[in-house]
Amino acid sequence: QVQLVESGGGLVQPGGSLRLSCAASGSIFSIYVMRWHRQAPGKQREMVARITSGGSTNYADSVKGRFTISRDNSKNTVYLRMNSLKPEDTDVYYCNADLRSQRGVRDDYWGQGTQVTVSS
């Protein structure tokens, strides 16, 4: 079993900052790519940021320059540092991992999501 658990969401004022965490646990053999997505009701799910096992990163244009993705391989954890938050950043943020389990299956795994609300 593989589990991804997000944390760190909450209510912040516009212009504020927040750091999300996603810890992967279970029978993991190798984590190749980790991503953050966000989605609100009535909207398409958007990939916000991704980071490869080699440390290469990519960001959606809407968050470029404001968000930073990083990972701590010793903790099997990926982070998303969000600065200069805007009301339009309000969404449920989901952690996603492309990994191979110890059972030999490579697939995408998803966390349960954490709510981020940006409001004055």
N, C-alpha and C. Protein backbone atom coordinates (compact mmCIF):
# COMPACT_ATOMS: atom_id res chain seq x y z
N GLN A 1 0.83 -1.19 0.00
CA GLN A 1 0.00 0.00 0.00
C GLN A 1 0.87 1.26 0.00
N VAL A 2 0.46 2.24 -0.79
CA VAL A 2 1.13 3.52 -0.87
C VAL A 2 0.12 4.59 -0.49
N GLN A 3 0.57 5.53 0.31
CA GLN A 3 -0.30 6.60 0.76
C GLN A 3 0.41 7.94 0.64
N LEU A 4 -0.31 8.94 0.15
CA LEU A 4 0.16 10.31 0.12
C LEU A 4 -0.75 11.14 1.00
N VAL A 5 -0.17 11.90 1.90
CA VAL A 5 -0.94 12.70 2.83
C VAL A 5 -0.46 14.14 2.76
N GLU A 6 -1.37 15.04 2.38
CA GLU A 6 -1.06 16.46 2.31
C GLU A 6 -1.37 17.13 3.65
N SER A 7 -0.66 18.21 3.90
CA SER A 7 -0.92 19.03 5.07
C SER A 7 -0.43 20.44 4.80
N GLY A 8 -0.82 21.36 5.66
CA GLY A 8 -0.33 22.72 5.57
C GLY A 8 -1.30 23.72 4.99
N GLY A 9 -2.44 23.27 4.52
CA GLY A 9 -3.42 24.19 3.99
C GLY A 9 -4.06 25.02 5.09
N GLY A 10 -4.77 26.05 4.67
CA GLY A 10 -5.43 26.90 5.64
C GLY A 10 -5.89 28.19 5.01
N LEU A 11 -6.24 29.14 5.86
CA LEU A 11 -6.72 30.45 5.46
C LEU A 11 -5.61 31.47 5.60
N VAL A 12 -5.35 32.19 4.52
CA VAL A 12 -4.33 33.24 4.53
C VAL A 12 -4.87 34.47 3.83
N GLN A 13 -4.29 35.61 4.15
CA GLN A 13 -4.67 36.86 3.50
C GLN A 13 -3.97 37.00 2.17
N PRO A 14 -4.56 37.76 1.24
CA PRO A 14 -3.86 38.03 -0.01
C PRO A 14 -2.48 38.61 0.25
N GLY A 15 -1.51 38.12 -0.50
CA GLY A 15 -0.14 38.53 -0.30
C GLY A 15 0.61 37.69 0.70
N GLY A 16 -0.08 36.83 1.40
CA GLY A 16 0.55 35.98 2.40
C GLY A 16 1.22 34.77 1.80
N SER A 17 1.76 33.95 2.68
CA SER A 17 2.51 32.77 2.26
C SER A 17 2.02 31.54 3.01
N LEU A 18 2.25 30.40 2.41
CA LEU A 18 1.85 29.14 2.98
C LEU A 18 2.77 28.06 2.41
N ARG A 19 3.06 27.04 3.21
CA ARG A 19 3.83 25.91 2.72
C ARG A 19 3.04 24.64 2.89
N LEU A 20 2.82 23.96 1.79
CA LEU A 20 2.16 22.67 1.80
C LEU A 20 3.18 21.55 1.84
N SER A 21 2.82 20.47 2.49
CA SER A 21 3.66 19.30 2.56
C SER A 21 2.88 18.08 2.11
N CYS A 22 3.59 17.14 1.53
CA CYS A 22 2.99 15.88 1.12
C CYS A 22 3.98 14.77 1.44
N ALA A 23 3.59 13.91 2.34
CA ALA A 23 4.45 12.81 2.75
C ALA A 23 3.96 11.50 2.14
N ALA A 24 4.85 10.83 1.46
CA ALA A 24 4.54 9.53 0.88
C ALA A 24 5.03 8.43 1.80
N SER A 25 4.24 7.41 1.95
CA SER A 25 4.61 6.30 2.81
C SER A 25 4.07 5.00 2.24
N GLY A 26 4.57 3.91 2.77
CA GLY A 26 4.13 2.61 2.33
C GLY A 26 5.21 1.87 1.56
N SER A 27 4.79 0.93 0.76
CA SER A 27 5.70 0.06 0.03
C SER A 27 6.19 0.73 -1.25
N ILE A 28 7.03 1.72 -1.09
CA ILE A 28 7.55 2.50 -2.21
C ILE A 28 8.92 1.99 -2.60
N PHE A 29 9.09 1.75 -3.88
CA PHE A 29 10.39 1.36 -4.40
C PHE A 29 11.16 2.57 -4.90
N SER A 30 10.51 3.40 -5.69
CA SER A 30 11.17 4.57 -6.24
C SER A 30 10.13 5.61 -6.63
N ILE A 31 10.40 6.85 -6.29
CA ILE A 31 9.55 7.97 -6.67
C ILE A 31 10.22 8.72 -7.81
N TYR A 32 9.55 8.80 -8.95
CA TYR A 32 10.13 9.42 -10.12
C TYR A 32 9.78 10.91 -10.21
N VAL A 33 8.51 11.21 -10.14
CA VAL A 33 8.03 12.58 -10.28
C VAL A 33 6.99 12.85 -9.21
N MET A 34 7.05 14.02 -8.63
CA MET A 34 6.02 14.45 -7.70
C MET A 34 5.45 15.77 -8.19
N ARG A 35 4.15 15.92 -8.05
CA ARG A 35 3.45 17.08 -8.57
C ARG A 35 2.46 17.62 -7.56
N TRP A 36 2.15 18.87 -7.73
CA TRP A 36 1.04 19.50 -7.04
C TRP A 36 0.01 19.93 -8.07
N HIS A 37 -1.23 19.59 -7.82
CA HIS A 37 -2.36 20.02 -8.62
C HIS A 37 -3.34 20.79 -7.75
N ARG A 38 -4.22 21.53 -8.40
CA ARG A 38 -5.28 22.20 -7.66
C ARG A 38 -6.56 22.15 -8.47
N GLN A 39 -7.67 22.18 -7.76
CA GLN A 39 -8.96 22.09 -8.41
C GLN A 39 -10.04 22.68 -7.52
N ALA A 40 -10.91 23.45 -8.14
CA ALA A 40 -12.08 23.99 -7.48
C ALA A 40 -13.32 23.47 -8.19
N PRO A 41 -14.46 23.43 -7.50
CA PRO A 41 -15.69 22.98 -8.15
C PRO A 41 -15.98 23.75 -9.42
N GLY A 42 -16.32 23.02 -10.48
CA GLY A 42 -16.63 23.65 -11.75
C GLY A 42 -15.43 24.02 -12.60
N LYS A 43 -14.24 23.71 -12.13
CA LYS A 43 -13.04 24.05 -12.87
C LYS A 43 -12.23 22.78 -13.15
N GLN A 44 -11.42 22.86 -14.18
CA GLN A 44 -10.53 21.76 -14.51
C GLN A 44 -9.38 21.69 -13.53
N ARG A 45 -8.94 20.47 -13.29
CA ARG A 45 -7.78 20.30 -12.45
C ARG A 45 -6.54 20.83 -13.17
N GLU A 46 -5.75 21.58 -12.46
CA GLU A 46 -4.59 22.24 -13.02
C GLU A 46 -3.32 21.75 -12.33
N MET A 47 -2.34 21.39 -13.12
CA MET A 47 -1.05 21.06 -12.55
C MET A 47 -0.32 22.35 -12.22
N VAL A 48 0.04 22.49 -10.98
CA VAL A 48 0.67 23.71 -10.50
C VAL A 48 2.18 23.63 -10.63
N ALA A 49 2.75 22.51 -10.22
CA ALA A 49 4.20 22.37 -10.21
C ALA A 49 4.56 20.90 -10.21
N ARG A 50 5.75 20.60 -10.70
CA ARG A 50 6.25 19.24 -10.69
C ARG A 50 7.75 19.26 -10.44
N ILE A 51 8.23 18.17 -9.90
CA ILE A 51 9.66 18.03 -9.66
C ILE A 51 10.05 16.58 -9.91
N THR A 52 11.13 16.39 -10.64
CA THR A 52 11.60 15.06 -10.97
C THR A 52 12.56 14.55 -9.91
N SER A 53 12.92 13.28 -10.05
CA SER A 53 13.88 12.70 -9.12
C SER A 53 15.23 13.38 -9.21
N GLY A 54 15.54 13.96 -10.36
CA GLY A 54 16.78 14.68 -10.54
C GLY A 54 16.74 16.13 -10.09
N GLY A 55 15.57 16.58 -9.66
CA GLY A 55 15.45 17.93 -9.14
C GLY A 55 14.99 18.96 -10.15
N SER A 56 14.69 18.56 -11.37
CA SER A 56 14.17 19.50 -12.36
C SER A 56 12.75 19.89 -12.01
N THR A 57 12.43 21.16 -12.20
CA THR A 57 11.12 21.67 -11.82
C THR A 57 10.42 22.33 -12.99
N ASN A 58 9.10 22.33 -12.92
CA ASN A 58 8.25 23.03 -13.88
C ASN A 58 7.08 23.62 -13.14
N TYR A 59 6.60 24.76 -13.64
CA TYR A 59 5.51 25.46 -12.99
C TYR A 59 4.49 25.93 -14.02
N ALA A 60 3.25 25.98 -13.59
CA ALA A 60 2.24 26.62 -14.39
C ALA A 60 2.52 28.11 -14.47
N ASP A 61 2.17 28.71 -15.60
CA ASP A 61 2.42 30.13 -15.78
C ASP A 61 1.74 30.97 -14.69
N SER A 62 0.61 30.51 -14.22
CA SER A 62 -0.15 31.26 -13.24
C SER A 62 0.54 31.38 -11.89
N VAL A 63 1.49 30.50 -11.61
CA VAL A 63 2.16 30.51 -10.31
C VAL A 63 3.66 30.74 -10.43
N LYS A 64 4.16 30.81 -11.63
CA LYS A 64 5.59 30.97 -11.84
C LYS A 64 6.10 32.24 -11.18
N GLY A 65 7.17 32.10 -10.44
CA GLY A 65 7.73 33.23 -9.72
C GLY A 65 7.17 33.41 -8.33
N ARG A 66 6.07 32.75 -8.02
CA ARG A 66 5.46 32.86 -6.70
C ARG A 66 5.54 31.56 -5.90
N PHE A 67 5.45 30.43 -6.58
CA PHE A 67 5.47 29.13 -5.91
C PHE A 67 6.80 28.44 -6.15
N THR A 68 7.21 27.64 -5.18
CA THR A 68 8.43 26.87 -5.30
C THR A 68 8.18 25.44 -4.82
N ILE A 69 8.49 24.48 -5.67
CA ILE A 69 8.35 23.08 -5.29
C ILE A 69 9.73 22.53 -4.92
N SER A 70 9.76 21.69 -3.92
CA SER A 70 11.00 21.06 -3.50
C SER A 70 10.67 19.70 -2.91
N ARG A 71 11.69 18.90 -2.71
CA ARG A 71 11.47 17.58 -2.14
C ARG A 71 12.61 17.20 -1.22
N ASP A 72 12.27 16.42 -0.23
CA ASP A 72 13.23 15.88 0.71
C ASP A 72 13.15 14.37 0.57
N ASN A 73 14.08 13.80 -0.16
CA ASN A 73 14.02 12.38 -0.44
C ASN A 73 14.20 11.52 0.81
N SER A 74 14.92 12.03 1.78
CA SER A 74 15.11 11.27 3.01
C SER A 74 13.82 11.11 3.78
N LYS A 75 12.87 12.00 3.54
CA LYS A 75 11.57 11.95 4.21
C LYS A 75 10.44 11.55 3.28
N ASN A 76 10.76 11.28 2.02
CA ASN A 76 9.73 10.98 1.01
C ASN A 76 8.66 12.05 1.00
N THR A 77 9.09 13.29 1.04
CA THR A 77 8.17 14.40 1.17
C THR A 77 8.43 15.45 0.10
N VAL A 78 7.36 15.99 -0.45
CA VAL A 78 7.43 17.09 -1.39
C VAL A 78 6.74 18.29 -0.77
N TYR A 79 7.26 19.47 -1.05
CA TYR A 79 6.73 20.70 -0.49
C TYR A 79 6.33 21.66 -1.60
N LEU A 80 5.42 22.54 -1.28
CA LEU A 80 5.06 23.62 -2.17
C LEU A 80 5.01 24.90 -1.35
N ARG A 81 5.99 25.75 -1.55
CA ARG A 81 6.02 27.04 -0.89
C ARG A 81 5.29 28.05 -1.76
N MET A 82 4.27 28.66 -1.21
CA MET A 82 3.42 29.57 -1.95
C MET A 82 3.57 30.96 -1.36
N ASN A 83 4.06 31.88 -2.16
CA ASN A 83 4.21 33.27 -1.77
C ASN A 83 3.29 34.15 -2.59
N SER A 84 3.09 35.36 -2.11
CA SER A 84 2.26 36.35 -2.82
C SER A 84 0.93 35.76 -3.25
N LEU A 85 0.27 35.12 -2.32
CA LEU A 85 -0.97 34.42 -2.64
C LEU A 85 -2.07 35.38 -3.04
N LYS A 86 -2.87 34.93 -3.99
CA LYS A 86 -3.98 35.70 -4.54
C LYS A 86 -5.29 34.96 -4.27
N PRO A 87 -6.41 35.67 -4.26
CA PRO A 87 -7.69 34.99 -4.07
C PRO A 87 -7.93 33.88 -5.09
N GLU A 88 -7.46 34.05 -6.31
CA GLU A 88 -7.65 33.03 -7.32
C GLU A 88 -6.82 31.77 -7.07
N ASP A 89 -5.93 31.80 -6.09
CA ASP A 89 -5.21 30.61 -5.69
C ASP A 89 -6.05 29.71 -4.78
N THR A 90 -7.20 30.17 -4.38
CA THR A 90 -8.08 29.39 -3.52
C THR A 90 -8.53 28.12 -4.25
N ASP A 91 -8.18 26.99 -3.68
CA ASP A 91 -8.46 25.70 -4.30
C ASP A 91 -8.16 24.60 -3.30
N VAL A 92 -8.56 23.40 -3.66
CA VAL A 92 -8.05 22.22 -2.99
C VAL A 92 -6.79 21.80 -3.72
N TYR A 93 -5.72 21.63 -2.99
CA TYR A 93 -4.44 21.27 -3.57
C TYR A 93 -4.17 19.79 -3.32
N TYR A 94 -3.82 19.09 -4.39
CA TYR A 94 -3.60 17.66 -4.34
C TYR A 94 -2.16 17.32 -4.67
N CYS A 95 -1.62 16.41 -3.92
CA CYS A 95 -0.30 15.87 -4.19
C CYS A 95 -0.44 14.66 -5.10
N ASN A 96 0.46 14.53 -6.03
CA ASN A 96 0.46 13.43 -6.98
C ASN A 96 1.88 12.92 -7.15
N ALA A 97 2.02 11.61 -7.19
CA ALA A 97 3.34 11.01 -7.35
C ALA A 97 3.31 9.93 -8.42
N ASP A 98 4.28 9.99 -9.30
CA ASP A 98 4.56 8.93 -10.26
C ASP A 98 5.63 8.07 -9.61
N LEU A 99 5.26 6.88 -9.19
CA LEU A 99 6.20 6.05 -8.46
C LEU A 99 6.01 4.58 -8.77
N ARG A 100 7.01 3.82 -8.39
CA ARG A 100 6.94 2.37 -8.49
C ARG A 100 6.88 1.81 -7.09
N SER A 101 5.90 1.00 -6.84
CA SER A 101 5.77 0.37 -5.54
C SER A 101 6.68 -0.84 -5.46
N GLN A 102 6.84 -1.35 -4.26
CA GLN A 102 7.65 -2.55 -4.07
C GLN A 102 7.00 -3.78 -4.67
N ARG A 103 5.73 -3.67 -5.05
CA ARG A 103 5.06 -4.75 -5.75
C ARG A 103 5.33 -4.71 -7.25
N GLY A 104 6.09 -3.71 -7.70
CA GLY A 104 6.48 -3.65 -9.10
C GLY A 104 5.56 -2.84 -9.99
N VAL A 105 4.60 -2.15 -9.42
CA VAL A 105 3.63 -1.40 -10.20
C VAL A 105 4.03 0.07 -10.23
N ARG A 106 4.13 0.61 -11.43
CA ARG A 106 4.38 2.04 -11.59
C ARG A 106 3.08 2.72 -11.98
N ASP A 107 2.70 3.72 -11.24
CA ASP A 107 1.43 4.38 -11.47
C ASP A 107 1.42 5.73 -10.77
N ASP A 108 0.38 6.48 -11.04
CA ASP A 108 0.14 7.75 -10.35
C ASP A 108 -0.66 7.49 -9.09
N TYR A 109 -0.23 8.11 -8.01
CA TYR A 109 -0.92 8.04 -6.75
C TYR A 109 -1.29 9.44 -6.31
N TRP A 110 -2.40 9.54 -5.60
CA TRP A 110 -2.95 10.84 -5.22
C TRP A 110 -3.20 10.92 -3.73
N GLY A 111 -2.99 12.11 -3.20
CA GLY A 111 -3.37 12.39 -1.83
C GLY A 111 -4.81 12.82 -1.75
N GLN A 112 -5.27 13.06 -0.54
CA GLN A 112 -6.67 13.39 -0.31
C GLN A 112 -6.98 14.87 -0.53
N GLY A 113 -5.96 15.69 -0.61
CA GLY A 113 -6.14 17.11 -0.84
C GLY A 113 -6.11 17.92 0.45
N THR A 114 -5.69 19.16 0.32
CA THR A 114 -5.71 20.10 1.44
C THR A 114 -6.23 21.44 0.93
N GLN A 115 -7.12 22.04 1.70
CA GLN A 115 -7.78 23.27 1.28
C GLN A 115 -6.90 24.48 1.53
N VAL A 116 -6.78 25.32 0.51
CA VAL A 116 -6.12 26.61 0.62
C VAL A 116 -7.13 27.68 0.30
N THR A 117 -7.33 28.60 1.22
CA THR A 117 -8.25 29.70 1.03
C THR A 117 -7.52 31.01 1.21
N VAL A 118 -7.58 31.86 0.20
CA VAL A 118 -6.93 33.16 0.23
C VAL A 118 -8.02 34.22 0.26
N SER A 119 -8.14 34.89 1.36
CA SER A 119 -9.22 35.86 1.53
C SER A 119 -8.84 36.88 2.59
N SER A 120 -9.32 38.10 2.41
CA SER A 120 -9.10 39.14 3.40
C SER A 120 -10.18 39.14 4.46
